[in-house]
Each structure stands twice: as C-alpha cells, then as structure tokens.
Amino acid sequence: MENIEKLINQYKYKHIFDMAKKAGDLGLKEGLKVYIVGGVVRDLLLGRDVQDLDLMVEGELKAYEKLKDMTRGEKVDAESITKFIESLTLSDEHKKTLLKLSPGSYVGMASNIVDQL
C-alpha cells in the first residue's frame, strides 16, 4: 500500500495537506493526536479529487455515539451534560474546558484556525 504522506504531498492535494497539517498542529498544541480517516484516505489511494477532510482525534472512544445514546428522546439539561462529561475518560483539564462551554460562548477552534490561514 502506498504511503499516504507521499500521496498527500502531491500538488493537487496541497489544500488537504495544509488543512490536515493545521489540524495536527492544533492537536499537538493540546496534547492530542489527530488522524486522517474515512473517504479522504480512499480518495487519495484511488487518485480521486478530495472534497472533504475527515479527521479523528485520539481520546474518548465513541464519545459521539455515547452522547447520541444519552440524548436520543431524552430531556437534555446542564446536569445531564455535566454527568456525561464527567463520565468521559479525558484528563481533568480537558473535562474542565468542556464544562466551561456554553452555547453563547462556544465557537470551537474557528478563531484559531482562521488566524492561521
């Protein structure tokens, strides 16, 4: 199998490489590993145009699925979200960061990413 790094460094995939590099650098800054996954890997291997970039951050396994299971058909409030965050296998520092988030203040990492463009 070809080396993904060799493929992604081709000029036609420069935009994907640049985005993946930025995501990886941001992850490293936070002490997290970031991986390229999904259809983008297939598209690179097959030489197709890449339309999106799927990334996975190392950490809680299947956290999204756990959140879906907890919230589907249920009332979601601050207490249930707090319990969910506290149940995750994350560092206390990352849990603290998550617990500080609110719908009014959360913009994700958008401002960091935009500043690096």
PDB file of N, CA and C in Angstrom:
ATOM      1  N   MET A   1       0.852  -1.182   0.000  1.00  0.00           N
ATOM      2  CA  MET A   1       0.000   0.000   0.000  1.00  0.00           C
ATOM      3  C   MET A   1       0.891   1.237   0.000  1.00  0.00           C
ATOM      4  N   GLU A   2       0.465   2.239  -0.724  1.00  0.00           N
ATOM      5  CA  GLU A   2       1.252   3.455  -0.814  1.00  0.00           C
ATOM      6  C   GLU A   2       1.221   4.237   0.496  1.00  0.00           C
ATOM      7  N   ASN A   3       2.262   4.992   0.708  1.00  0.00           N
ATOM      8  CA  ASN A   3       2.349   5.842   1.880  1.00  0.00           C
ATOM      9  C   ASN A   3       1.440   7.051   1.672  1.00  0.00           C
ATOM     10  N   ILE A   4       0.503   7.269   2.607  1.00  0.00           N
ATOM     11  CA  ILE A   4      -0.453   8.382   2.493  1.00  0.00           C
ATOM     12  C   ILE A   4       0.276   9.718   2.446  1.00  0.00           C
ATOM     13  N   GLU A   5       1.332   9.855   3.238  1.00  0.00           N
ATOM     14  CA  GLU A   5       2.076  11.119   3.249  1.00  0.00           C
ATOM     15  C   GLU A   5       2.631  11.434   1.862  1.00  0.00           C
ATOM     16  N   LYS A   6       3.123  10.421   1.178  1.00  0.00           N
ATOM     17  CA  LYS A   6       3.645  10.618  -0.182  1.00  0.00           C
ATOM     18  C   LYS A   6       2.532  11.092  -1.122  1.00  0.00           C
ATOM     19  N   LEU A   7       1.357  10.498  -0.978  1.00  0.00           N
ATOM     20  CA  LEU A   7       0.224  10.874  -1.828  1.00  0.00           C
ATOM     21  C   LEU A   7      -0.268  12.290  -1.521  1.00  0.00           C
ATOM     22  N   ILE A   8      -0.417  12.576  -0.245  1.00  0.00           N
ATOM     23  CA  ILE A   8      -0.998  13.862   0.155  1.00  0.00           C
ATOM     24  C   ILE A   8      -0.060  15.029  -0.148  1.00  0.00           C
ATOM     25  N   ASN A   9       1.219  14.754  -0.311  1.00  0.00           N
ATOM     26  CA  ASN A   9       2.176  15.813  -0.628  1.00  0.00           C
ATOM     27  C   ASN A   9       2.177  16.195  -2.112  1.00  0.00           C
ATOM     28  N   GLN A  10       1.389  15.492  -2.922  1.00  0.00           N
ATOM     29  CA  GLN A  10       1.276  15.866  -4.327  1.00  0.00           C
ATOM     30  C   GLN A  10       0.599  17.231  -4.425  1.00  0.00           C
ATOM     31  N   TYR A  11       0.998  18.009  -5.410  1.00  0.00           N
ATOM     32  CA  TYR A  11       0.489  19.378  -5.538  1.00  0.00           C
ATOM     33  C   TYR A  11      -1.040  19.429  -5.549  1.00  0.00           C
ATOM     34  N   LYS A  12      -1.681  18.495  -6.237  1.00  0.00           N
ATOM     35  CA  LYS A  12      -3.145  18.563  -6.357  1.00  0.00           C
ATOM     36  C   LYS A  12      -3.855  18.378  -5.019  1.00  0.00           C
ATOM     37  N   TYR A  13      -3.150  17.864  -4.009  1.00  0.00           N
ATOM     38  CA  TYR A  13      -3.741  17.680  -2.691  1.00  0.00           C
ATOM     39  C   TYR A  13      -3.190  18.662  -1.667  1.00  0.00           C
ATOM     40  N   LYS A  14      -2.499  19.707  -2.127  1.00  0.00           N
ATOM     41  CA  LYS A  14      -1.874  20.658  -1.217  1.00  0.00           C
ATOM     42  C   LYS A  14      -2.884  21.238  -0.226  1.00  0.00           C
ATOM     43  N   HIS A  15      -4.076  21.562  -0.696  1.00  0.00           N
ATOM     44  CA  HIS A  15      -5.094  22.139   0.192  1.00  0.00           C
ATOM     45  C   HIS A  15      -5.484  21.163   1.306  1.00  0.00           C
ATOM     46  N   ILE A  16      -5.536  19.883   0.995  1.00  0.00           N
ATOM     47  CA  ILE A  16      -5.853  18.874   2.011  1.00  0.00           C
ATOM     48  C   ILE A  16      -4.693  18.747   2.995  1.00  0.00           C
ATOM     49  N   PHE A  17      -3.476  18.695   2.454  1.00  0.00           N
ATOM     50  CA  PHE A  17      -2.297  18.605   3.319  1.00  0.00           C
ATOM     51  C   PHE A  17      -2.237  19.797   4.271  1.00  0.00           C
ATOM     52  N   ASP A  18      -2.471  20.995   3.739  1.00  0.00           N
ATOM     53  CA  ASP A  18      -2.405  22.196   4.573  1.00  0.00           C
ATOM     54  C   ASP A  18      -3.430  22.142   5.707  1.00  0.00           C
ATOM     55  N   MET A  19      -4.658  21.723   5.395  1.00  0.00           N
ATOM     56  CA  MET A  19      -5.689  21.630   6.434  1.00  0.00           C
ATOM     57  C   MET A  19      -5.336  20.554   7.458  1.00  0.00           C
ATOM     58  N   ALA A  20      -4.874  19.405   6.980  1.00  0.00           N
ATOM     59  CA  ALA A  20      -4.520  18.316   7.894  1.00  0.00           C
ATOM     60  C   ALA A  20      -3.350  18.727   8.785  1.00  0.00           C
ATOM     61  N   LYS A  21      -2.392  19.431   8.220  1.00  0.00           N
ATOM     62  CA  LYS A  21      -1.230  19.886   8.996  1.00  0.00           C
ATOM     63  C   LYS A  21      -1.672  20.854  10.087  1.00  0.00           C
ATOM     64  N   LYS A  22      -2.556  21.793   9.741  1.00  0.00           N
ATOM     65  CA  LYS A  22      -3.056  22.747  10.735  1.00  0.00           C
ATOM     66  C   LYS A  22      -3.805  22.029  11.852  1.00  0.00           C
ATOM     67  N   ALA A  23      -4.649  21.070  11.481  1.00  0.00           N
ATOM     68  CA  ALA A  23      -5.394  20.310  12.485  1.00  0.00           C
ATOM     69  C   ALA A  23      -4.434  19.521  13.375  1.00  0.00           C
ATOM     70  N   GLY A  24      -3.433  18.910  12.765  1.00  0.00           N
ATOM     71  CA  GLY A  24      -2.441  18.158  13.529  1.00  0.00           C
ATOM     72  C   GLY A  24      -1.650  19.039  14.468  1.00  0.00           C
ATOM     73  N   ASP A  25      -1.256  20.211  13.985  1.00  0.00           N
ATOM     74  CA  ASP A  25      -0.503  21.150  14.827  1.00  0.00           C
ATOM     75  C   ASP A  25      -1.345  21.629  16.006  1.00  0.00           C
ATOM     76  N   LEU A  26      -2.630  21.921  15.743  1.00  0.00           N
ATOM     77  CA  LEU A  26      -3.524  22.335  16.832  1.00  0.00           C
ATOM     78  C   LEU A  26      -3.706  21.201  17.839  1.00  0.00           C
ATOM     79  N   GLY A  27      -3.823  19.979  17.333  1.00  0.00           N
ATOM     80  CA  GLY A  27      -3.946  18.831  18.217  1.00  0.00           C
ATOM     81  C   GLY A  27      -2.715  18.665  19.092  1.00  0.00           C
ATOM     82  N   LEU A  28      -1.541  18.767  18.482  1.00  0.00           N
ATOM     83  CA  LEU A  28      -0.300  18.642  19.251  1.00  0.00           C
ATOM     84  C   LEU A  28      -0.210  19.708  20.335  1.00  0.00           C
ATOM     85  N   LYS A  29      -0.648  20.904  19.982  1.00  0.00           N
ATOM     86  CA  LYS A  29      -0.641  22.007  20.947  1.00  0.00           C
ATOM     87  C   LYS A  29      -1.504  21.670  22.164  1.00  0.00           C
ATOM     88  N   GLU A  30      -2.561  20.888  21.935  1.00  0.00           N
ATOM     89  CA  GLU A  30      -3.472  20.481  23.011  1.00  0.00           C
ATOM     90  C   GLU A  30      -3.097  19.121  23.597  1.00  0.00           C
ATOM     91  N   GLY A  31      -2.020  18.529  23.082  1.00  0.00           N
ATOM     92  CA  GLY A  31      -1.592  17.224  23.579  1.00  0.00           C
ATOM     93  C   GLY A  31      -2.411  16.071  23.019  1.00  0.00           C
ATOM     94  N   LEU A  32      -2.993  16.258  21.840  1.00  0.00           N
ATOM     95  CA  LEU A  32      -3.841  15.242  21.227  1.00  0.00           C
ATOM     96  C   LEU A  32      -3.285  14.833  19.866  1.00  0.00           C
ATOM     97  N   LYS A  33      -3.474  13.581  19.501  1.00  0.00           N
ATOM     98  CA  LYS A  33      -3.084  13.113  18.170  1.00  0.00           C
ATOM     99  C   LYS A  33      -4.290  13.215  17.256  1.00  0.00           C
ATOM    100  N   VAL A  34      -4.045  13.637  16.005  1.00  0.00           N
ATOM    101  CA  VAL A  34      -5.106  13.799  15.018  1.00  0.00           C
ATOM    102  C   VAL A  34      -4.775  12.908  13.825  1.00  0.00           C
ATOM    103  N   TYR A  35      -5.761  12.159  13.345  1.00  0.00           N
ATOM    104  CA  TYR A  35      -5.554  11.235  12.237  1.00  0.00           C
ATOM    105  C   TYR A  35      -6.469  11.579  11.065  1.00  0.00           C
ATOM    106  N   ILE A  36      -5.979  11.360   9.848  1.00  0.00           N
ATOM    107  CA  ILE A  36      -6.805  11.465   8.642  1.00  0.00           C
ATOM    108  C   ILE A  36      -7.505  10.120   8.485  1.00  0.00           C
ATOM    109  N   VAL A  37      -8.837  10.135   8.349  1.00  0.00           N
ATOM    110  CA  VAL A  37      -9.615   8.896   8.271  1.00  0.00           C
ATOM    111  C   VAL A  37     -10.692   9.021   7.193  1.00  0.00           C
ATOM    112  N   GLY A  38     -11.375   7.937   6.944  1.00  0.00           N
ATOM    113  CA  GLY A  38     -12.565   7.950   6.114  1.00  0.00           C
ATOM    114  C   GLY A  38     -12.315   8.018   4.624  1.00  0.00           C
ATOM    115  N   GLY A  39     -13.284   8.601   3.932  1.00  0.00           N
ATOM    116  CA  GLY A  39     -13.276   8.647   2.480  1.00  0.00           C
ATOM    117  C   GLY A  39     -12.081   9.351   1.880  1.00  0.00           C
ATOM    118  N   VAL A  40     -11.511  10.305   2.604  1.00  0.00           N
ATOM    119  CA  VAL A  40     -10.352  11.021   2.067  1.00  0.00           C
ATOM    120  C   VAL A  40      -9.191  10.057   1.846  1.00  0.00           C
ATOM    121  N   VAL A  41      -9.030   9.076   2.716  1.00  0.00           N
ATOM    122  CA  VAL A  41      -7.962   8.085   2.552  1.00  0.00           C
ATOM    123  C   VAL A  41      -8.225   7.273   1.283  1.00  0.00           C
ATOM    124  N   ARG A  42      -9.453   6.837   1.116  1.00  0.00           N
ATOM    125  CA  ARG A  42      -9.830   6.091  -0.094  1.00  0.00           C
ATOM    126  C   ARG A  42      -9.574   6.927  -1.343  1.00  0.00           C
ATOM    127  N   ASP A  43     -10.026   8.194  -1.297  1.00  0.00           N
ATOM    128  CA  ASP A  43      -9.867   9.058  -2.463  1.00  0.00           C
ATOM    129  C   ASP A  43      -8.402   9.293  -2.802  1.00  0.00           C
ATOM    130  N   LEU A  44      -7.561   9.457  -1.793  1.00  0.00           N
ATOM    131  CA  LEU A  44      -6.124   9.623  -2.029  1.00  0.00           C
ATOM    132  C   LEU A  44      -5.539   8.381  -2.693  1.00  0.00           C
ATOM    133  N   LEU A  45      -5.904   7.216  -2.181  1.00  0.00           N
ATOM    134  CA  LEU A  45      -5.370   5.966  -2.727  1.00  0.00           C
ATOM    135  C   LEU A  45      -5.823   5.728  -4.163  1.00  0.00           C
ATOM    136  N   LEU A  46      -7.044   6.164  -4.476  1.00  0.00           N
ATOM    137  CA  LEU A  46      -7.583   5.969  -5.826  1.00  0.00           C
ATOM    138  C   LEU A  46      -7.291   7.138  -6.764  1.00  0.00           C
ATOM    139  N   GLY A  47      -6.630   8.165  -6.251  1.00  0.00           N
ATOM    140  CA  GLY A  47      -6.286   9.318  -7.085  1.00  0.00           C
ATOM    141  C   GLY A  47      -7.471  10.200  -7.424  1.00  0.00           C
ATOM    142  N   ARG A  48      -8.526  10.113  -6.647  1.00  0.00           N
ATOM    143  CA  ARG A  48      -9.725  10.921  -6.886  1.00  0.00           C
ATOM    144  C   ARG A  48      -9.541  12.322  -6.314  1.00  0.00           C
ATOM    145  N   ASP A  49     -10.374  13.251  -6.801  1.00  0.00           N
ATOM    146  CA  ASP A  49     -10.402  14.574  -6.193  1.00  0.00           C
ATOM    147  C   ASP A  49     -10.971  14.434  -4.783  1.00  0.00           C
ATOM    148  N   VAL A  50     -10.400  15.171  -3.863  1.00  0.00           N
ATOM    149  CA  VAL A  50     -10.838  15.121  -2.473  1.00  0.00           C
ATOM    150  C   VAL A  50     -11.747  16.314  -2.215  1.00  0.00           C
ATOM    151  N   GLN A  51     -12.941  16.032  -1.722  1.00  0.00           N
ATOM    152  CA  GLN A  51     -13.932  17.083  -1.484  1.00  0.00           C
ATOM    153  C   GLN A  51     -14.021  17.499  -0.026  1.00  0.00           C
ATOM    154  N   ASP A  52     -13.580  16.627   0.870  1.00  0.00           N
ATOM    155  CA  ASP A  52     -13.663  16.942   2.289  1.00  0.00           C
ATOM    156  C   ASP A  52     -12.521  16.260   3.027  1.00  0.00           C
ATOM    157  N   LEU A  53     -12.398  16.584   4.276  1.00  0.00           N
ATOM    158  CA  LEU A  53     -11.328  16.031   5.086  1.00  0.00           C
ATOM    159  C   LEU A  53     -11.930  15.498   6.378  1.00  0.00           C
ATOM    160  N   ASP A  54     -11.842  14.190   6.561  1.00  0.00           N
ATOM    161  CA  ASP A  54     -12.345  13.562   7.779  1.00  0.00           C
ATOM    162  C   ASP A  54     -11.176  13.345   8.720  1.00  0.00           C
ATOM    163  N   LEU A  55     -11.324  13.840   9.935  1.00  0.00           N
ATOM    164  CA  LEU A  55     -10.276  13.715  10.935  1.00  0.00           C
ATOM    165  C   LEU A  55     -10.825  13.024  12.171  1.00  0.00           C
ATOM    166  N   MET A  56      -9.956  12.321  12.863  1.00  0.00           N
ATOM    167  CA  MET A  56     -10.311  11.709  14.131  1.00  0.00           C
ATOM    168  C   MET A  56      -9.281  12.151  15.159  1.00  0.00           C
ATOM    169  N   VAL A  57      -9.761  12.564  16.302  1.00  0.00           N
ATOM    170  CA  VAL A  57      -8.876  12.990  17.377  1.00  0.00           C
ATOM    171  C   VAL A  57      -8.806  11.862  18.393  1.00  0.00           C
ATOM    172  N   GLU A  58      -7.590  11.513  18.776  1.00  0.00           N
ATOM    173  CA  GLU A  58      -7.407  10.456  19.759  1.00  0.00           C
ATOM    174  C   GLU A  58      -7.997  10.902  21.089  1.00  0.00           C
ATOM    175  N   GLY A  59      -8.709  10.028  21.722  1.00  0.00           N
ATOM    176  CA  GLY A  59      -9.320  10.364  23.008  1.00  0.00           C
ATOM    177  C   GLY A  59     -10.418   9.383  23.332  1.00  0.00           C
ATOM    178  N   GLU A  60     -11.509   9.887  23.841  1.00  0.00           N
ATOM    179  CA  GLU A  60     -12.628   9.043  24.244  1.00  0.00           C
ATOM    180  C   GLU A  60     -13.163   8.273  23.042  1.00  0.00           C
ATOM    181  N   LEU A  61     -13.154   6.957  23.140  1.00  0.00           N
ATOM    182  CA  LEU A  61     -13.644   6.110  22.068  1.00  0.00           C
ATOM    183  C   LEU A  61     -15.164   6.189  21.990  1.00  0.00           C
ATOM    184  N   LYS A  62     -15.655   6.532  20.836  1.00  0.00           N
ATOM    185  CA  LYS A  62     -17.087   6.579  20.564  1.00  0.00           C
ATOM    186  C   LYS A  62     -17.857   7.548  21.457  1.00  0.00           C
ATOM    187  N   ALA A  63     -17.242   8.674  21.789  1.00  0.00           N
ATOM    188  CA  ALA A  63     -17.915   9.662  22.642  1.00  0.00           C
ATOM    189  C   ALA A  63     -19.185  10.172  21.976  1.00  0.00           C
ATOM    190  N   TYR A  64     -19.144  10.368  20.666  1.00  0.00           N
ATOM    191  CA  TYR A  64     -20.322  10.881  19.968  1.00  0.00           C
ATOM    192  C   TYR A  64     -21.483   9.886  20.072  1.00  0.00           C
ATOM    193  N   GLU A  65     -21.172   8.595  19.890  1.00  0.00           N
ATOM    194  CA  GLU A  65     -22.219   7.583  19.996  1.00  0.00           C
ATOM    195  C   GLU A  65     -22.801   7.548  21.413  1.00  0.00           C
ATOM    196  N   LYS A  66     -21.944   7.695  22.413  1.00  0.00           N
ATOM    197  CA  LYS A  66     -22.417   7.728  23.804  1.00  0.00           C
ATOM    198  C   LYS A  66     -23.336   8.924  24.026  1.00  0.00           C
ATOM    199  N   LEU A  67     -22.970  10.070  23.452  1.00  0.00           N
ATOM    200  CA  LEU A  67     -23.796  11.268  23.591  1.00  0.00           C
ATOM    201  C   LEU A  67     -25.140  11.077  22.895  1.00  0.00           C
ATOM    202  N   LYS A  68     -25.131  10.490  21.699  1.00  0.00           N
ATOM    203  CA  LYS A  68     -26.391  10.220  20.997  1.00  0.00           C
ATOM    204  C   LYS A  68     -27.283   9.315  21.826  1.00  0.00           C
ATOM    205  N   ASP A  69     -26.710   8.227  22.354  1.00  0.00           N
ATOM    206  CA  ASP A  69     -27.496   7.292  23.160  1.00  0.00           C
ATOM    207  C   ASP A  69     -28.095   7.971  24.384  1.00  0.00           C
ATOM    208  N   MET A  70     -27.326   8.845  25.010  1.00  0.00           N
ATOM    209  CA  MET A  70     -27.776   9.520  26.220  1.00  0.00           C
ATOM    210  C   MET A  70     -28.884  10.539  25.928  1.00  0.00           C
ATOM    211  N   THR A  71     -28.843  11.172  24.767  1.00  0.00           N
ATOM    212  CA  THR A  71     -29.755  12.280  24.499  1.00  0.00           C
ATOM    213  C   THR A  71     -30.948  11.922  23.617  1.00  0.00           C
ATOM    214  N   ARG A  72     -30.892  10.836  22.899  1.00  0.00           N
ATOM    215  CA  ARG A  72     -31.977  10.488  21.977  1.00  0.00           C
ATOM    216  C   ARG A  72     -33.287  10.277  22.741  1.00  0.00           C
ATOM    217  N   GLY A  73     -34.248  11.136  22.457  1.00  0.00           N
ATOM    218  CA  GLY A  73     -35.558  11.030  23.083  1.00  0.00           C
ATOM    219  C   GLY A  73     -35.603  11.462  24.540  1.00  0.00           C
ATOM    220  N   GLU A  74     -34.534  12.038  25.017  1.00  0.00           N
ATOM    221  CA  GLU A  74     -34.448  12.435  26.417  1.00  0.00           C
ATOM    222  C   GLU A  74     -34.325  13.945  26.548  1.00  0.00           C
ATOM    223  N   LYS A  75     -34.713  14.446  27.703  1.00  0.00           N
ATOM    224  CA  LYS A  75     -34.525  15.864  28.012  1.00  0.00           C
ATOM    225  C   LYS A  75     -33.033  16.072  28.294  1.00  0.00           C
ATOM    226  N   VAL A  76     -32.461  17.067  27.651  1.00  0.00           N
ATOM    227  CA  VAL A  76     -31.043  17.367  27.851  1.00  0.00           C
ATOM    228  C   VAL A  76     -30.952  18.688  28.601  1.00  0.00           C
ATOM    229  N   ASP A  77     -30.278  18.653  29.736  1.00  0.00           N
ATOM    230  CA  ASP A  77     -30.094  19.862  30.514  1.00  0.00           C
ATOM    231  C   ASP A  77     -28.637  19.939  30.980  1.00  0.00           C
ATOM    232  N   ALA A  78     -28.313  21.001  31.668  1.00  0.00           N
ATOM    233  CA  ALA A  78     -26.937  21.211  32.117  1.00  0.00           C
ATOM    234  C   ALA A  78     -26.458  20.065  33.002  1.00  0.00           C
ATOM    235  N   GLU A  79     -27.337  19.551  33.843  1.00  0.00           N
ATOM    236  CA  GLU A  79     -26.946  18.461  34.746  1.00  0.00           C
ATOM    237  C   GLU A  79     -26.586  17.187  33.980  1.00  0.00           C
ATOM    238  N   SER A  80     -27.392  16.836  32.974  1.00  0.00           N
ATOM    239  CA  SER A  80     -27.108  15.613  32.210  1.00  0.00           C
ATOM    240  C   SER A  80     -25.830  15.760  31.388  1.00  0.00           C
ATOM    241  N   ILE A  81     -25.588  16.945  30.850  1.00  0.00           N
ATOM    242  CA  ILE A  81     -24.351  17.181  30.096  1.00  0.00           C
ATOM    243  C   ILE A  81     -23.150  17.115  31.036  1.00  0.00           C
ATOM    244  N   THR A  82     -23.277  17.681  32.210  1.00  0.00           N
ATOM    245  CA  THR A  82     -22.182  17.628  33.192  1.00  0.00           C
ATOM    246  C   THR A  82     -21.863  16.184  33.554  1.00  0.00           C
ATOM    247  N   LYS A  83     -22.886  15.379  33.805  1.00  0.00           N
ATOM    248  CA  LYS A  83     -22.673  13.963  34.133  1.00  0.00           C
ATOM    249  C   LYS A  83     -21.981  13.245  32.983  1.00  0.00           C
ATOM    250  N   PHE A  84     -22.411  13.547  31.761  1.00  0.00           N
ATOM    251  CA  PHE A  84     -21.803  12.920  30.590  1.00  0.00           C
ATOM    252  C   PHE A  84     -20.321  13.278  30.493  1.00  0.00           C
ATOM    253  N   ILE A  85     -20.001  14.542  30.607  1.00  0.00           N
ATOM    254  CA  ILE A  85     -18.603  14.985  30.509  1.00  0.00           C
ATOM    255  C   ILE A  85     -17.765  14.338  31.605  1.00  0.00           C
ATOM    256  N   GLU A  86     -18.295  14.284  32.803  1.00  0.00           N
ATOM    257  CA  GLU A  86     -17.550  13.683  33.910  1.00  0.00           C
ATOM    258  C   GLU A  86     -17.330  12.187  33.725  1.00  0.00           C
ATOM    259  N   SER A  87     -18.173  11.541  32.911  1.00  0.00           N
ATOM    260  CA  SER A  87     -18.028  10.098  32.679  1.00  0.00           C
ATOM    261  C   SER A  87     -16.969   9.766  31.626  1.00  0.00           C
ATOM    262  N   LEU A  88     -16.529  10.770  30.877  1.00  0.00           N
ATOM    263  CA  LEU A  88     -15.562  10.528  29.802  1.00  0.00           C
ATOM    264  C   LEU A  88     -14.167  10.244  30.360  1.00  0.00           C
ATOM    265  N   THR A  89     -13.419   9.454  29.612  1.00  0.00           N
ATOM    266  CA  THR A  89     -12.049   9.148  30.023  1.00  0.00           C
ATOM    267  C   THR A  89     -11.107  10.178  29.415  1.00  0.00           C
ATOM    268  N   LEU A  90     -11.228  11.389  29.913  1.00  0.00           N
ATOM    269  CA  LEU A  90     -10.392  12.511  29.486  1.00  0.00           C
ATOM    270  C   LEU A  90      -9.644  13.043  30.699  1.00  0.00           C
ATOM    271  N   SER A  91      -8.614  13.825  30.425  1.00  0.00           N
ATOM    272  CA  SER A  91      -7.890  14.441  31.540  1.00  0.00           C
ATOM    273  C   SER A  91      -8.806  15.431  32.249  1.00  0.00           C
ATOM    274  N   ASP A  92      -8.503  15.702  33.510  1.00  0.00           N
ATOM    275  CA  ASP A  92      -9.290  16.682  34.262  1.00  0.00           C
ATOM    276  C   ASP A  92      -9.266  18.041  33.578  1.00  0.00           C
ATOM    277  N   GLU A  93      -8.131  18.385  32.984  1.00  0.00           N
ATOM    278  CA  GLU A  93      -8.006  19.670  32.286  1.00  0.00           C
ATOM    279  C   GLU A  93      -8.972  19.749  31.110  1.00  0.00           C
ATOM    280  N   HIS A  94      -9.069  18.676  30.313  1.00  0.00           N
ATOM    281  CA  HIS A  94      -9.983  18.687  29.174  1.00  0.00           C
ATOM    282  C   HIS A  94     -11.444  18.677  29.635  1.00  0.00           C
ATOM    283  N   LYS A  95     -11.735  17.945  30.705  1.00  0.00           N
ATOM    284  CA  LYS A  95     -13.102  17.964  31.247  1.00  0.00           C
ATOM    285  C   LYS A  95     -13.470  19.369  31.712  1.00  0.00           C
ATOM    286  N   LYS A  96     -12.545  20.026  32.382  1.00  0.00           N
ATOM    287  CA  LYS A  96     -12.780  21.386  32.870  1.00  0.00           C
ATOM    288  C   LYS A  96     -13.084  22.330  31.705  1.00  0.00           C
ATOM    289  N   THR A  97     -12.317  22.184  30.623  1.00  0.00           N
ATOM    290  CA  THR A  97     -12.540  23.006  29.426  1.00  0.00           C
ATOM    291  C   THR A  97     -13.934  22.765  28.861  1.00  0.00           C
ATOM    292  N   LEU A  98     -14.332  21.490  28.759  1.00  0.00           N
ATOM    293  CA  LEU A  98     -15.660  21.163  28.239  1.00  0.00           C
ATOM    294  C   LEU A  98     -16.769  21.701  29.134  1.00  0.00           C
ATOM    295  N   LEU A  99     -16.568  21.608  30.434  1.00  0.00           N
ATOM    296  CA  LEU A  99     -17.597  22.072  31.372  1.00  0.00           C
ATOM    297  C   LEU A  99     -17.796  23.583  31.327  1.00  0.00           C
ATOM    298  N   LYS A 100     -16.803  24.324  30.863  1.00  0.00           N
ATOM    299  CA  LYS A 100     -16.910  25.787  30.766  1.00  0.00           C
ATOM    300  C   LYS A 100     -17.688  26.231  29.528  1.00  0.00           C
ATOM    301  N   LEU A 101     -17.860  25.336  28.557  1.00  0.00           N
ATOM    302  CA  LEU A 101     -18.519  25.714  27.303  1.00  0.00           C
ATOM    303  C   LEU A 101     -19.996  26.020  27.515  1.00  0.00           C
ATOM    304  N   SER A 102     -20.484  26.963  26.720  1.00  0.00           N
ATOM    305  CA  SER A 102     -21.915  27.255  26.709  1.00  0.00           C
ATOM    306  C   SER A 102     -22.306  27.610  25.279  1.00  0.00           C
ATOM    307  N   PRO A 103     -23.580  27.450  24.938  1.00  0.00           N
ATOM    308  CA  PRO A 103     -23.987  27.781  23.568  1.00  0.00           C
ATOM    309  C   PRO A 103     -23.673  29.230  23.181  1.00  0.00           C
ATOM    310  N   GLY A 104     -23.672  30.116  24.133  1.00  0.00           N
ATOM    311  CA  GLY A 104     -23.406  31.521  23.841  1.00  0.00           C
ATOM    312  C   GLY A 104     -21.943  31.856  23.653  1.00  0.00           C
ATOM    313  N   SER A 105     -21.072  31.007  24.158  1.00  0.00           N
ATOM    314  CA  SER A 105     -19.649  31.341  24.099  1.00  0.00           C
ATOM    315  C   SER A 105     -18.833  30.422  23.204  1.00  0.00           C
ATOM    316  N   TYR A 106     -19.411  29.311  22.765  1.00  0.00           N
ATOM    317  CA  TYR A 106     -18.612  28.329  22.024  1.00  0.00           C
ATOM    318  C   TYR A 106     -18.527  28.653  20.538  1.00  0.00           C
ATOM    319  N   VAL A 107     -17.320  28.819  20.062  1.00  0.00           N
ATOM    320  CA  VAL A 107     -17.085  28.960  18.618  1.00  0.00           C
ATOM    321  C   VAL A 107     -16.047  27.938  18.160  1.00  0.00           C
ATOM    322  N   GLY A 108     -15.780  26.961  19.018  1.00  0.00           N
ATOM    323  CA  GLY A 108     -14.825  25.919  18.661  1.00  0.00           C
ATOM    324  C   GLY A 108     -13.436  26.496  18.487  1.00  0.00           C
ATOM    325  N   MET A 109     -12.741  25.952  17.543  1.00  0.00           N
ATOM    326  CA  MET A 109     -11.384  26.411  17.269  1.00  0.00           C
ATOM    327  C   MET A 109     -11.366  27.310  16.034  1.00  0.00           C
ATOM    328  N   ALA A 110     -12.542  27.778  15.632  1.00  0.00           N
ATOM    329  CA  ALA A 110     -12.650  28.557  14.406  1.00  0.00           C
ATOM    330  C   ALA A 110     -11.715  29.773  14.404  1.00  0.00           C
ATOM    331  N   SER A 111     -11.674  30.507  15.494  1.00  0.00           N
ATOM    332  CA  SER A 111     -10.830  31.703  15.507  1.00  0.00           C
ATOM    333  C   SER A 111      -9.351  31.353  15.401  1.00  0.00           C
ATOM    334  N   ASN A 112      -8.919  30.248  16.043  1.00  0.00           N
ATOM    335  CA  ASN A 112      -7.521  29.817  15.912  1.00  0.00           C
ATOM    336  C   ASN A 112      -7.196  29.408  14.483  1.00  0.00           C
ATOM    337  N   ILE A 113      -8.116  28.682  13.869  1.00  0.00           N
ATOM    338  CA  ILE A 113      -7.886  28.211  12.503  1.00  0.00           C
ATOM    339  C   ILE A 113      -7.841  29.386  11.544  1.00  0.00           C
ATOM    340  N   VAL A 114      -8.780  30.313  11.676  1.00  0.00           N
ATOM    341  CA  VAL A 114      -8.817  31.481  10.796  1.00  0.00           C
ATOM    342  C   VAL A 114      -7.542  32.309  10.944  1.00  0.00           C
ATOM    343  N   ASP A 115      -7.067  32.462  12.164  1.00  0.00           N
ATOM    344  CA  ASP A 115      -5.843  33.231  12.393  1.00  0.00           C
ATOM    345  C   ASP A 115      -4.636  32.594  11.709  1.00  0.00           C
ATOM    346  N   GLN A 116      -4.675  31.284  11.510  1.00  0.00           N
ATOM    347  CA  GLN A 116      -3.543  30.599  10.911  1.00  0.00           C
ATOM    348  C   GLN A 116      -3.625  30.520   9.392  1.00  0.00           C
ATOM    349  N   LEU A 117      -4.719  30.945   8.813  1.00  0.00           N
ATOM    350  CA  LEU A 117      -4.864  30.884   7.344  1.00  0.00           C
ATOM    351  C   LEU A 117      -4.060  31.971   6.674  1.00  0.00           C
TER     352      LEU A 117
END
